[in-house]
Amino acid sequence: MIRPFGTYTASSALEDEQVRVQVFIANIDGEPEPSTEIVELAWVGSDVGRNNGLSVGSVFAEQVIPDLIEEGMIVPDERQDLWND
């Protein structure tokens, strides 16, 4: 089952435009695997960008991940604030 989670808008880091991101939540059976156009998958938590080699765009760091934490879908990393790296 796929359901909408939210629509987010933020300034583009590379251009003088707005970026609009639609986020969906999906329940799946089994383990997801990369295929076709998807080269790699990674589990992202509140520690994204710190000590794990992953980085995400500002719309995710500043809006989507905090909303996922608020909804209890991601457990917050108590060691450090996500936005003060």
N, C-alpha and C. Protein backbone atom coordinates (compact mmCIF):
# COMPACT_ATOMS: atom_id res chain seq x y z
N MET A 1 0.84 -1.18 0.00
CA MET A 1 0.00 0.00 0.00
C MET A 1 0.89 1.25 0.00
N ILE A 2 0.56 2.18 -0.84
CA ILE A 2 1.29 3.45 -0.92
C ILE A 2 0.32 4.56 -0.53
N ARG A 3 0.81 5.47 0.34
CA ARG A 3 -0.03 6.61 0.72
C ARG A 3 0.82 7.88 0.73
N PRO A 4 0.23 9.00 0.39
CA PRO A 4 0.97 10.26 0.42
C PRO A 4 1.34 10.64 1.85
N PHE A 5 2.54 11.16 2.02
CA PHE A 5 2.99 11.64 3.33
C PHE A 5 2.95 13.16 3.37
N GLY A 6 3.38 13.79 2.28
CA GLY A 6 3.36 15.25 2.25
C GLY A 6 4.00 15.80 0.99
N THR A 7 3.73 17.05 0.73
CA THR A 7 4.35 17.78 -0.37
C THR A 7 5.16 18.91 0.24
N TYR A 8 6.40 19.04 -0.18
CA TYR A 8 7.34 19.99 0.42
C TYR A 8 7.91 20.88 -0.67
N THR A 9 8.14 22.13 -0.34
CA THR A 9 8.73 23.10 -1.27
C THR A 9 9.89 23.80 -0.58
N ALA A 10 10.98 23.97 -1.33
CA ALA A 10 12.16 24.67 -0.80
C ALA A 10 12.91 25.30 -1.95
N SER A 11 13.80 26.21 -1.64
CA SER A 11 14.65 26.83 -2.66
C SER A 11 15.68 25.82 -3.13
N SER A 12 15.94 25.82 -4.43
CA SER A 12 16.96 24.95 -4.99
C SER A 12 18.34 25.44 -4.57
N ALA A 13 19.21 24.52 -4.25
CA ALA A 13 20.58 24.88 -3.88
C ALA A 13 21.40 25.29 -5.09
N LEU A 14 21.00 24.84 -6.28
CA LEU A 14 21.80 25.06 -7.48
C LEU A 14 21.23 26.11 -8.43
N GLU A 15 19.94 26.38 -8.33
CA GLU A 15 19.32 27.31 -9.25
C GLU A 15 18.39 28.25 -8.48
N ASP A 16 18.01 29.34 -9.11
CA ASP A 16 17.11 30.30 -8.49
C ASP A 16 15.66 29.88 -8.74
N GLU A 17 15.31 28.70 -8.25
CA GLU A 17 13.98 28.15 -8.44
C GLU A 17 13.55 27.41 -7.19
N GLN A 18 12.28 27.10 -7.13
CA GLN A 18 11.75 26.28 -6.04
C GLN A 18 11.76 24.81 -6.45
N VAL A 19 12.02 23.95 -5.50
CA VAL A 19 11.95 22.51 -5.70
C VAL A 19 10.71 22.02 -4.98
N ARG A 20 9.93 21.20 -5.65
CA ARG A 20 8.73 20.62 -5.04
C ARG A 20 8.93 19.11 -4.97
N VAL A 21 8.79 18.57 -3.77
CA VAL A 21 9.02 17.15 -3.54
C VAL A 21 7.75 16.54 -2.97
N GLN A 22 7.29 15.46 -3.59
CA GLN A 22 6.16 14.71 -3.05
C GLN A 22 6.71 13.45 -2.39
N VAL A 23 6.35 13.23 -1.13
CA VAL A 23 6.86 12.10 -0.36
C VAL A 23 5.72 11.12 -0.11
N PHE A 24 6.01 9.84 -0.31
CA PHE A 24 5.02 8.79 -0.11
C PHE A 24 5.55 7.78 0.89
N ILE A 25 4.66 7.12 1.59
CA ILE A 25 4.99 6.04 2.51
C ILE A 25 4.44 4.76 1.88
N ALA A 26 5.26 3.72 1.87
CA ALA A 26 4.85 2.44 1.28
C ALA A 26 5.17 1.29 2.21
N ASN A 27 4.26 0.35 2.30
CA ASN A 27 4.51 -0.90 3.00
C ASN A 27 4.93 -1.92 1.96
N ILE A 28 6.00 -2.66 2.24
CA ILE A 28 6.48 -3.65 1.29
C ILE A 28 6.72 -4.96 2.01
N ASP A 29 6.69 -6.04 1.26
CA ASP A 29 7.07 -7.36 1.76
C ASP A 29 8.48 -7.64 1.29
N GLY A 30 9.34 -8.16 2.15
CA GLY A 30 10.70 -8.49 1.77
C GLY A 30 11.63 -7.31 1.89
N GLU A 31 12.84 -7.48 1.38
CA GLU A 31 13.86 -6.44 1.40
C GLU A 31 13.89 -5.71 0.06
N PRO A 32 13.88 -4.38 0.06
CA PRO A 32 13.99 -3.66 -1.21
C PRO A 32 15.38 -3.86 -1.82
N GLU A 33 15.42 -3.90 -3.14
CA GLU A 33 16.69 -4.07 -3.86
C GLU A 33 16.75 -3.07 -5.01
N PRO A 34 17.96 -2.56 -5.29
CA PRO A 34 18.11 -1.67 -6.44
C PRO A 34 17.87 -2.43 -7.75
N SER A 35 17.32 -1.76 -8.73
CA SER A 35 17.14 -2.35 -10.05
C SER A 35 16.89 -1.23 -11.06
N THR A 36 17.08 -1.53 -12.30
CA THR A 36 16.88 -0.61 -13.41
C THR A 36 17.58 0.73 -13.17
N GLU A 37 16.82 1.82 -12.96
CA GLU A 37 17.43 3.14 -12.79
C GLU A 37 17.91 3.40 -11.37
N ILE A 38 17.57 2.57 -10.42
CA ILE A 38 17.98 2.76 -9.02
C ILE A 38 19.24 1.96 -8.78
N VAL A 39 20.34 2.67 -8.55
CA VAL A 39 21.65 2.04 -8.40
C VAL A 39 21.89 1.57 -6.98
N GLU A 40 21.43 2.35 -6.00
CA GLU A 40 21.74 2.05 -4.60
C GLU A 40 20.58 2.48 -3.70
N LEU A 41 20.36 1.71 -2.65
CA LEU A 41 19.39 2.06 -1.62
C LEU A 41 20.12 2.24 -0.31
N ALA A 42 19.62 3.13 0.53
CA ALA A 42 20.22 3.33 1.85
C ALA A 42 19.11 3.65 2.84
N TRP A 43 19.23 3.10 4.04
CA TRP A 43 18.31 3.45 5.11
C TRP A 43 18.79 4.78 5.70
N VAL A 44 17.89 5.73 5.81
CA VAL A 44 18.24 7.06 6.29
C VAL A 44 17.56 7.30 7.63
N GLY A 45 18.34 7.77 8.58
CA GLY A 45 17.79 8.11 9.89
C GLY A 45 18.06 9.56 10.21
N SER A 46 17.82 9.94 11.43
CA SER A 46 18.01 11.34 11.81
C SER A 46 19.48 11.74 11.83
N ASP A 47 20.38 10.77 11.75
CA ASP A 47 21.81 11.08 11.75
C ASP A 47 22.37 11.28 10.34
N VAL A 48 21.52 11.38 9.33
CA VAL A 48 21.99 11.53 7.96
C VAL A 48 22.94 12.72 7.86
N GLY A 49 24.04 12.52 7.17
CA GLY A 49 25.03 13.58 7.00
C GLY A 49 26.09 13.60 8.08
N ARG A 50 25.96 12.76 9.10
CA ARG A 50 26.94 12.69 10.18
C ARG A 50 27.42 11.26 10.31
N ASN A 51 28.68 11.06 10.16
CA ASN A 51 29.31 9.78 10.45
C ASN A 51 28.82 8.61 9.61
N ASN A 52 28.00 8.84 8.61
CA ASN A 52 27.54 7.71 7.82
C ASN A 52 27.78 7.88 6.33
N GLY A 53 28.40 8.97 5.92
CA GLY A 53 28.75 9.18 4.53
C GLY A 53 27.58 9.54 3.62
N LEU A 54 26.40 9.69 4.16
CA LEU A 54 25.24 10.04 3.35
C LEU A 54 24.94 11.53 3.49
N SER A 55 24.39 12.08 2.44
CA SER A 55 23.90 13.45 2.54
C SER A 55 22.57 13.53 1.79
N VAL A 56 21.74 14.43 2.20
CA VAL A 56 20.44 14.62 1.54
C VAL A 56 20.25 16.10 1.29
N GLY A 57 19.35 16.41 0.41
CA GLY A 57 19.06 17.81 0.12
C GLY A 57 18.42 18.50 1.31
N SER A 58 18.48 19.82 1.29
CA SER A 58 17.99 20.59 2.43
C SER A 58 16.51 20.37 2.70
N VAL A 59 15.71 20.15 1.66
CA VAL A 59 14.28 19.93 1.88
C VAL A 59 14.06 18.68 2.74
N PHE A 60 14.92 17.68 2.57
CA PHE A 60 14.80 16.47 3.40
C PHE A 60 15.33 16.72 4.80
N ALA A 61 16.49 17.35 4.91
CA ALA A 61 17.10 17.59 6.22
C ALA A 61 16.27 18.56 7.06
N GLU A 62 15.69 19.56 6.42
CA GLU A 62 15.00 20.62 7.16
C GLU A 62 13.49 20.41 7.30
N GLN A 63 12.90 19.59 6.43
CA GLN A 63 11.45 19.44 6.47
C GLN A 63 10.99 17.99 6.58
N VAL A 64 11.41 17.13 5.65
CA VAL A 64 10.88 15.77 5.59
C VAL A 64 11.31 14.94 6.80
N ILE A 65 12.61 14.89 7.09
CA ILE A 65 13.09 14.07 8.21
C ILE A 65 12.50 14.55 9.54
N PRO A 66 12.46 15.86 9.81
CA PRO A 66 11.79 16.29 11.05
C PRO A 66 10.32 15.85 11.13
N ASP A 67 9.61 15.88 10.01
CA ASP A 67 8.22 15.42 10.02
C ASP A 67 8.14 13.92 10.26
N LEU A 68 9.07 13.15 9.68
CA LEU A 68 9.10 11.70 9.93
C LEU A 68 9.40 11.41 11.40
N ILE A 69 10.28 12.20 12.00
CA ILE A 69 10.58 12.05 13.43
C ILE A 69 9.33 12.37 14.25
N GLU A 70 8.66 13.47 13.90
CA GLU A 70 7.46 13.88 14.63
C GLU A 70 6.36 12.81 14.56
N GLU A 71 6.28 12.13 13.42
CA GLU A 71 5.27 11.07 13.25
C GLU A 71 5.72 9.74 13.84
N GLY A 72 6.94 9.69 14.38
CA GLY A 72 7.44 8.45 14.98
C GLY A 72 7.95 7.43 13.99
N MET A 73 8.20 7.85 12.75
CA MET A 73 8.68 6.94 11.71
C MET A 73 10.20 6.85 11.69
N ILE A 74 10.87 7.83 12.28
CA ILE A 74 12.32 7.82 12.46
C ILE A 74 12.58 8.17 13.91
N VAL A 75 13.46 7.40 14.53
CA VAL A 75 13.82 7.68 15.92
C VAL A 75 14.88 8.77 15.92
N PRO A 76 14.68 9.85 16.68
CA PRO A 76 15.67 10.94 16.68
C PRO A 76 16.99 10.51 17.30
N ASP A 77 18.06 11.05 16.75
CA ASP A 77 19.41 10.83 17.28
C ASP A 77 19.60 11.86 18.39
N GLU A 78 19.67 11.41 19.62
CA GLU A 78 19.75 12.31 20.77
C GLU A 78 21.12 12.98 20.90
N ARG A 79 22.13 12.46 20.23
CA ARG A 79 23.50 12.96 20.42
C ARG A 79 23.73 14.34 19.86
N GLN A 80 23.05 14.68 18.78
CA GLN A 80 23.35 15.96 18.13
C GLN A 80 22.15 16.41 17.32
N ASP A 81 21.92 17.68 17.29
CA ASP A 81 20.84 18.25 16.51
C ASP A 81 21.16 18.09 15.03
N LEU A 82 20.19 17.61 14.25
CA LEU A 82 20.37 17.35 12.82
C LEU A 82 20.82 18.58 12.04
N TRP A 83 20.39 19.76 12.47
CA TRP A 83 20.64 20.97 11.68
C TRP A 83 21.86 21.75 12.12
N ASN A 84 22.56 21.30 13.13
CA ASN A 84 23.71 22.04 13.64
C ASN A 84 25.01 21.27 13.48
N ASP A 85 25.27 20.75 12.29
CA ASP A 85 26.52 20.01 12.01
C ASP A 85 27.67 20.96 11.82
